[in-house]
Amino acid sequence: AGLRSRLPYLAALGVDGLWISPWY
């Protein structure tokens, strides 16, 4: 939920994608 809320921040930062450490 926190990550989803910050997706606009990451998109605006200018990166092309995310590597997400284990969420399992």
PDB file of all heavy atoms in Angstrom:
ATOM      1  N   ALA A   1       0.839  -1.203   0.000  1.00  0.00           N
ATOM      2  CA  ALA A   1       0.000   0.000   0.000  1.00  0.00           C
ATOM      3  C   ALA A   1       0.872   1.251   0.000  1.00  0.00           C
ATOM      4  O   ALA A   1       0.599   2.223  -0.719  1.00  0.00           O
ATOM      5  CB  ALA A   1      -0.932  -0.005   1.210  1.00  0.00           C
ATOM      6  N   GLY A   2       1.919   1.236   0.804  1.00  0.00           N
ATOM      7  CA  GLY A   2       2.835   2.372   0.822  1.00  0.00           C
ATOM      8  C   GLY A   2       3.560   2.542  -0.501  1.00  0.00           C
ATOM      9  O   GLY A   2       3.705   3.664  -1.006  1.00  0.00           O
ATOM     10  N   LEU A   3       3.990   1.435  -1.090  1.00  0.00           N
ATOM     11  CA  LEU A   3       4.679   1.503  -2.377  1.00  0.00           C
ATOM     12  C   LEU A   3       3.746   2.020  -3.463  1.00  0.00           C
ATOM     13  O   LEU A   3       4.129   2.874  -4.280  1.00  0.00           O
ATOM     14  CB  LEU A   3       5.230   0.119  -2.741  1.00  0.00           C
ATOM     15  CG  LEU A   3       5.884  -0.033  -4.114  1.00  0.00           C
ATOM     16  CD1 LEU A   3       6.971   1.005  -4.344  1.00  0.00           C
ATOM     17  CD2 LEU A   3       6.450  -1.444  -4.273  1.00  0.00           C
ATOM     18  N   ARG A   4       2.523   1.530  -3.487  1.00  0.00           N
ATOM     19  CA  ARG A   4       1.564   1.991  -4.499  1.00  0.00           C
ATOM     20  C   ARG A   4       1.316   3.491  -4.364  1.00  0.00           C
ATOM     21  O   ARG A   4       1.198   4.198  -5.367  1.00  0.00           O
ATOM     22  CB  ARG A   4       0.262   1.215  -4.372  1.00  0.00           C
ATOM     23  CG  ARG A   4       0.358  -0.249  -4.798  1.00  0.00           C
ATOM     24  CD  ARG A   4      -0.890  -1.023  -4.453  1.00  0.00           C
ATOM     25  NE  ARG A   4      -2.054  -0.496  -5.160  1.00  0.00           N
ATOM     26  CZ  ARG A   4      -3.308  -0.760  -4.802  1.00  0.00           C
ATOM     27  NH1 ARG A   4      -3.558  -1.513  -3.723  1.00  0.00           N
ATOM     28  NH2 ARG A   4      -4.300  -0.277  -5.506  1.00  0.00           N
ATOM     29  N   SER A   5       1.265   3.980  -3.137  1.00  0.00           N
ATOM     30  CA  SER A   5       1.009   5.406  -2.940  1.00  0.00           C
ATOM     31  C   SER A   5       2.172   6.269  -3.414  1.00  0.00           C
ATOM     32  O   SER A   5       1.987   7.470  -3.676  1.00  0.00           O
ATOM     33  CB  SER A   5       0.719   5.695  -1.464  1.00  0.00           C
ATOM     34  OG  SER A   5       1.910   5.620  -0.685  1.00  0.00           O
ATOM     35  N   ARG A   6       3.362   5.680  -3.526  1.00  0.00           N
ATOM     36  CA  ARG A   6       4.554   6.438  -3.923  1.00  0.00           C
ATOM     37  C   ARG A   6       4.951   6.198  -5.377  1.00  0.00           C
ATOM     38  O   ARG A   6       6.000   6.692  -5.806  1.00  0.00           O
ATOM     39  CB  ARG A   6       5.722   6.071  -3.006  1.00  0.00           C
ATOM     40  CG  ARG A   6       5.484   6.343  -1.521  1.00  0.00           C
ATOM     41  CD  ARG A   6       5.338   7.835  -1.233  1.00  0.00           C
ATOM     42  NE  ARG A   6       5.204   8.089   0.205  1.00  0.00           N
ATOM     43  CZ  ARG A   6       5.111   9.294   0.750  1.00  0.00           C
ATOM     44  NH1 ARG A   6       5.122  10.364  -0.032  1.00  0.00           N
ATOM     45  NH2 ARG A   6       4.991   9.436   2.061  1.00  0.00           N
ATOM     46  N   LEU A   7       4.142   5.476  -6.139  1.00  0.00           N
ATOM     47  CA  LEU A   7       4.466   5.275  -7.544  1.00  0.00           C
ATOM     48  C   LEU A   7       4.595   6.595  -8.308  1.00  0.00           C
ATOM     49  O   LEU A   7       5.496   6.732  -9.159  1.00  0.00           O
ATOM     50  CB  LEU A   7       3.431   4.368  -8.212  1.00  0.00           C
ATOM     51  CG  LEU A   7       3.509   2.874  -7.860  1.00  0.00           C
ATOM     52  CD1 LEU A   7       2.369   2.116  -8.527  1.00  0.00           C
ATOM     53  CD2 LEU A   7       4.850   2.278  -8.263  1.00  0.00           C
ATOM     54  N   PRO A   8       3.742   7.598  -8.055  1.00  0.00           N
ATOM     55  CA  PRO A   8       3.953   8.877  -8.749  1.00  0.00           C
ATOM     56  C   PRO A   8       5.317   9.494  -8.459  1.00  0.00           C
ATOM     57  O   PRO A   8       5.930  10.086  -9.354  1.00  0.00           O
ATOM     58  CB  PRO A   8       2.805   9.750  -8.219  1.00  0.00           C
ATOM     59  CG  PRO A   8       1.738   8.780  -7.836  1.00  0.00           C
ATOM     60  CD  PRO A   8       2.473   7.594  -7.290  1.00  0.00           C
ATOM     61  N   TYR A   9       5.795   9.362  -7.236  1.00  0.00           N
ATOM     62  CA  TYR A   9       7.125   9.864  -6.893  1.00  0.00           C
ATOM     63  C   TYR A   9       8.194   9.166  -7.728  1.00  0.00           C
ATOM     64  O   TYR A   9       9.098   9.816  -8.285  1.00  0.00           O
ATOM     65  CB  TYR A   9       7.387   9.651  -5.408  1.00  0.00           C
ATOM     66  CG  TYR A   9       8.839   9.770  -5.000  1.00  0.00           C
ATOM     67  CD1 TYR A   9       9.431  11.015  -4.830  1.00  0.00           C
ATOM     68  CD2 TYR A   9       9.623   8.639  -4.789  1.00  0.00           C
ATOM     69  CE1 TYR A   9      10.769  11.135  -4.454  1.00  0.00           C
ATOM     70  CE2 TYR A   9      10.953   8.739  -4.415  1.00  0.00           C
ATOM     71  CZ  TYR A   9      11.519   9.993  -4.251  1.00  0.00           C
ATOM     72  OH  TYR A   9      12.847  10.092  -3.889  1.00  0.00           O
ATOM     73  N   LEU A  10       8.086   7.839  -7.849  1.00  0.00           N
ATOM     74  CA  LEU A  10       9.098   7.082  -8.580  1.00  0.00           C
ATOM     75  C   LEU A  10       9.037   7.374 -10.071  1.00  0.00           C
ATOM     76  O   LEU A  10      10.073   7.482 -10.740  1.00  0.00           O
ATOM     77  CB  LEU A  10       8.912   5.592  -8.303  1.00  0.00           C
ATOM     78  CG  LEU A  10       9.190   5.180  -6.856  1.00  0.00           C
ATOM     79  CD1 LEU A  10       8.677   3.771  -6.586  1.00  0.00           C
ATOM     80  CD2 LEU A  10      10.673   5.274  -6.535  1.00  0.00           C
ATOM     81  N   ALA A  11       7.839   7.511 -10.609  1.00  0.00           N
ATOM     82  CA  ALA A  11       7.716   7.848 -12.023  1.00  0.00           C
ATOM     83  C   ALA A  11       8.312   9.226 -12.299  1.00  0.00           C
ATOM     84  O   ALA A  11       9.024   9.432 -13.291  1.00  0.00           O
ATOM     85  CB  ALA A  11       6.256   7.786 -12.449  1.00  0.00           C
ATOM     86  N   ALA A  12       8.037  10.179 -11.400  1.00  0.00           N
ATOM     87  CA  ALA A  12       8.567  11.533 -11.580  1.00  0.00           C
ATOM     88  C   ALA A  12      10.078  11.591 -11.372  1.00  0.00           C
ATOM     89  O   ALA A  12      10.752  12.466 -11.927  1.00  0.00           O
ATOM     90  CB  ALA A  12       7.867  12.499 -10.617  1.00  0.00           C
ATOM     91  N   LEU A  13      10.628  10.659 -10.585  1.00  0.00           N
ATOM     92  CA  LEU A  13      12.075  10.618 -10.387  1.00  0.00           C
ATOM     93  C   LEU A  13      12.789  10.381 -11.711  1.00  0.00           C
ATOM     94  O   LEU A  13      13.887  10.884 -11.934  1.00  0.00           O
ATOM     95  CB  LEU A  13      12.424   9.524  -9.374  1.00  0.00           C
ATOM     96  CG  LEU A  13      13.897   9.324  -9.015  1.00  0.00           C
ATOM     97  CD1 LEU A  13      14.482  10.586  -8.387  1.00  0.00           C
ATOM     98  CD2 LEU A  13      14.058   8.125  -8.077  1.00  0.00           C
ATOM     99  N   GLY A  14      12.160   9.613 -12.601  1.00  0.00           N
ATOM    100  CA  GLY A  14      12.734   9.387 -13.913  1.00  0.00           C
ATOM    101  C   GLY A  14      13.319   8.011 -14.136  1.00  0.00           C
ATOM    102  O   GLY A  14      14.006   7.791 -15.142  1.00  0.00           O
ATOM    103  N   VAL A  15      13.056   7.071 -13.222  1.00  0.00           N
ATOM    104  CA  VAL A  15      13.551   5.715 -13.428  1.00  0.00           C
ATOM    105  C   VAL A  15      12.625   4.977 -14.396  1.00  0.00           C
ATOM    106  O   VAL A  15      11.488   5.380 -14.631  1.00  0.00           O
ATOM    107  CB  VAL A  15      13.659   4.947 -12.099  1.00  0.00           C
ATOM    108  CG1 VAL A  15      14.699   5.594 -11.197  1.00  0.00           C
ATOM    109  CG2 VAL A  15      12.316   4.863 -11.380  1.00  0.00           C
ATOM    110  N   ASP A  16      13.144   3.893 -14.964  1.00  0.00           N
ATOM    111  CA  ASP A  16      12.391   3.116 -15.943  1.00  0.00           C
ATOM    112  C   ASP A  16      11.663   1.928 -15.329  1.00  0.00           C
ATOM    113  O   ASP A  16      10.792   1.342 -15.979  1.00  0.00           O
ATOM    114  CB  ASP A  16      13.331   2.611 -17.037  1.00  0.00           C
ATOM    115  CG  ASP A  16      13.988   3.757 -17.783  1.00  0.00           C
ATOM    116  OD1 ASP A  16      13.271   4.560 -18.386  1.00  0.00           O
ATOM    117  OD2 ASP A  16      15.238   3.861 -17.731  1.00  0.00           O
ATOM    118  N   GLY A  17      12.037   1.555 -14.132  1.00  0.00           N
ATOM    119  CA  GLY A  17      11.393   0.407 -13.523  1.00  0.00           C
ATOM    120  C   GLY A  17      11.852   0.208 -12.096  1.00  0.00           C
ATOM    121  O   GLY A  17      12.741   0.919 -11.592  1.00  0.00           O
ATOM    122  N   LEU A  18      11.249  -0.784 -11.452  1.00  0.00           N
ATOM    123  CA  LEU A  18      11.534  -1.103 -10.058  1.00  0.00           C
ATOM    124  C   LEU A  18      12.009  -2.542  -9.946  1.00  0.00           C
ATOM    125  O   LEU A  18      11.454  -3.445 -10.577  1.00  0.00           O
ATOM    126  CB  LEU A  18      10.278  -0.935  -9.192  1.00  0.00           C
ATOM    127  CG  LEU A  18       9.479   0.359  -9.347  1.00  0.00           C
ATOM    128  CD1 LEU A  18       8.270   0.326  -8.414  1.00  0.00           C
ATOM    129  CD2 LEU A  18      10.348   1.571  -9.077  1.00  0.00           C
ATOM    130  N   TRP A  19      13.045  -2.734  -9.144  1.00  0.00           N
ATOM    131  CA  TRP A  19      13.394  -4.078  -8.676  1.00  0.00           C
ATOM    132  C   TRP A  19      12.901  -4.146  -7.239  1.00  0.00           C
ATOM    133  O   TRP A  19      13.345  -3.376  -6.389  1.00  0.00           O
ATOM    134  CB  TRP A  19      14.901  -4.316  -8.790  1.00  0.00           C
ATOM    135  CG  TRP A  19      15.440  -5.317  -7.803  1.00  0.00           C
ATOM    136  CD1 TRP A  19      14.808  -6.416  -7.303  1.00  0.00           C
ATOM    137  CD2 TRP A  19      16.739  -5.298  -7.179  1.00  0.00           C
ATOM    138  NE1 TRP A  19      15.623  -7.089  -6.420  1.00  0.00           N
ATOM    139  CE2 TRP A  19      16.807  -6.427  -6.323  1.00  0.00           C
ATOM    140  CE3 TRP A  19      17.830  -4.454  -7.279  1.00  0.00           C
ATOM    141  CZ2 TRP A  19      17.938  -6.711  -5.559  1.00  0.00           C
ATOM    142  CZ3 TRP A  19      18.960  -4.742  -6.521  1.00  0.00           C
ATOM    143  CH2 TRP A  19      19.020  -5.863  -5.678  1.00  0.00           C
ATOM    144  N   ILE A  20      11.991  -5.075  -6.990  1.00  0.00           N
ATOM    145  CA  ILE A  20      11.389  -5.207  -5.663  1.00  0.00           C
ATOM    146  C   ILE A  20      12.039  -6.384  -4.940  1.00  0.00           C
ATOM    147  O   ILE A  20      11.949  -7.531  -5.387  1.00  0.00           O
ATOM    148  CB  ILE A  20       9.867  -5.399  -5.759  1.00  0.00           C
ATOM    149  CG1 ILE A  20       9.246  -4.225  -6.526  1.00  0.00           C
ATOM    150  CG2 ILE A  20       9.255  -5.509  -4.368  1.00  0.00           C
ATOM    151  CD1 ILE A  20       7.743  -4.361  -6.742  1.00  0.00           C
ATOM    152  N   SER A  21      12.703  -6.102  -3.824  1.00  0.00           N
ATOM    153  CA  SER A  21      13.282  -7.158  -3.000  1.00  0.00           C
ATOM    154  C   SER A  21      12.173  -8.070  -2.491  1.00  0.00           C
ATOM    155  O   SER A  21      10.996  -7.720  -2.538  1.00  0.00           O
ATOM    156  CB  SER A  21      14.070  -6.541  -1.844  1.00  0.00           C
ATOM    157  OG  SER A  21      15.226  -5.885  -2.323  1.00  0.00           O
ATOM    158  N   PRO A  22      12.509  -9.259  -1.987  1.00  0.00           N
ATOM    159  CA  PRO A  22      11.485 -10.275  -1.744  1.00  0.00           C
ATOM    160  C   PRO A  22      10.268  -9.778  -0.971  1.00  0.00           C
ATOM    161  O   PRO A  22      10.399  -9.189   0.097  1.00  0.00           O
ATOM    162  CB  PRO A  22      12.242 -11.341  -0.952  1.00  0.00           C
ATOM    163  CG  PRO A  22      13.633 -11.249  -1.474  1.00  0.00           C
ATOM    164  CD  PRO A  22      13.859  -9.774  -1.675  1.00  0.00           C
ATOM    165  N   TRP A  23       9.110 -10.069  -1.537  1.00  0.00           N
ATOM    166  CA  TRP A  23       7.830  -9.716  -0.915  1.00  0.00           C
ATOM    167  C   TRP A  23       7.047 -10.957  -0.527  1.00  0.00           C
ATOM    168  O   TRP A  23       5.909 -10.885  -0.126  1.00  0.00           O
ATOM    169  CB  TRP A  23       7.020  -8.831  -1.845  1.00  0.00           C
ATOM    170  CG  TRP A  23       6.753  -9.358  -3.246  1.00  0.00           C
ATOM    171  CD1 TRP A  23       7.019 -10.613  -3.744  1.00  0.00           C
ATOM    172  CD2 TRP A  23       6.153  -8.627  -4.317  1.00  0.00           C
ATOM    173  NE1 TRP A  23       6.642 -10.702  -5.057  1.00  0.00           N
ATOM    174  CE2 TRP A  23       6.103  -9.505  -5.444  1.00  0.00           C
ATOM    175  CE3 TRP A  23       5.644  -7.346  -4.453  1.00  0.00           C
ATOM    176  CZ2 TRP A  23       5.560  -9.115  -6.675  1.00  0.00           C
ATOM    177  CZ3 TRP A  23       5.114  -6.965  -5.677  1.00  0.00           C
ATOM    178  CH2 TRP A  23       5.068  -7.836  -6.774  1.00  0.00           C
ATOM    179  N   TYR A  24       7.680 -12.119  -0.642  1.00  0.00           N
ATOM    180  CA  TYR A  24       7.001 -13.388  -0.428  1.00  0.00           C
ATOM    181  C   TYR A  24       6.774 -13.674   1.064  1.00  0.00           C
ATOM    182  O   TYR A  24       7.378 -13.047   1.941  1.00  0.00           O
ATOM    183  CB  TYR A  24       7.833 -14.523  -1.024  1.00  0.00           C
ATOM    184  CG  TYR A  24       8.332 -14.265  -2.419  1.00  0.00           C
ATOM    185  CD1 TYR A  24       9.682 -13.978  -2.650  1.00  0.00           C
ATOM    186  CD2 TYR A  24       7.475 -14.290  -3.507  1.00  0.00           C
ATOM    187  CE1 TYR A  24      10.156 -13.741  -3.926  1.00  0.00           C
ATOM    188  CE2 TYR A  24       7.945 -14.049  -4.797  1.00  0.00           C
ATOM    189  CZ  TYR A  24       9.281 -13.763  -5.000  1.00  0.00           C
ATOM    190  OH  TYR A  24       9.744 -13.519  -6.262  1.00  0.00           O
TER     191      TYR A  24
END
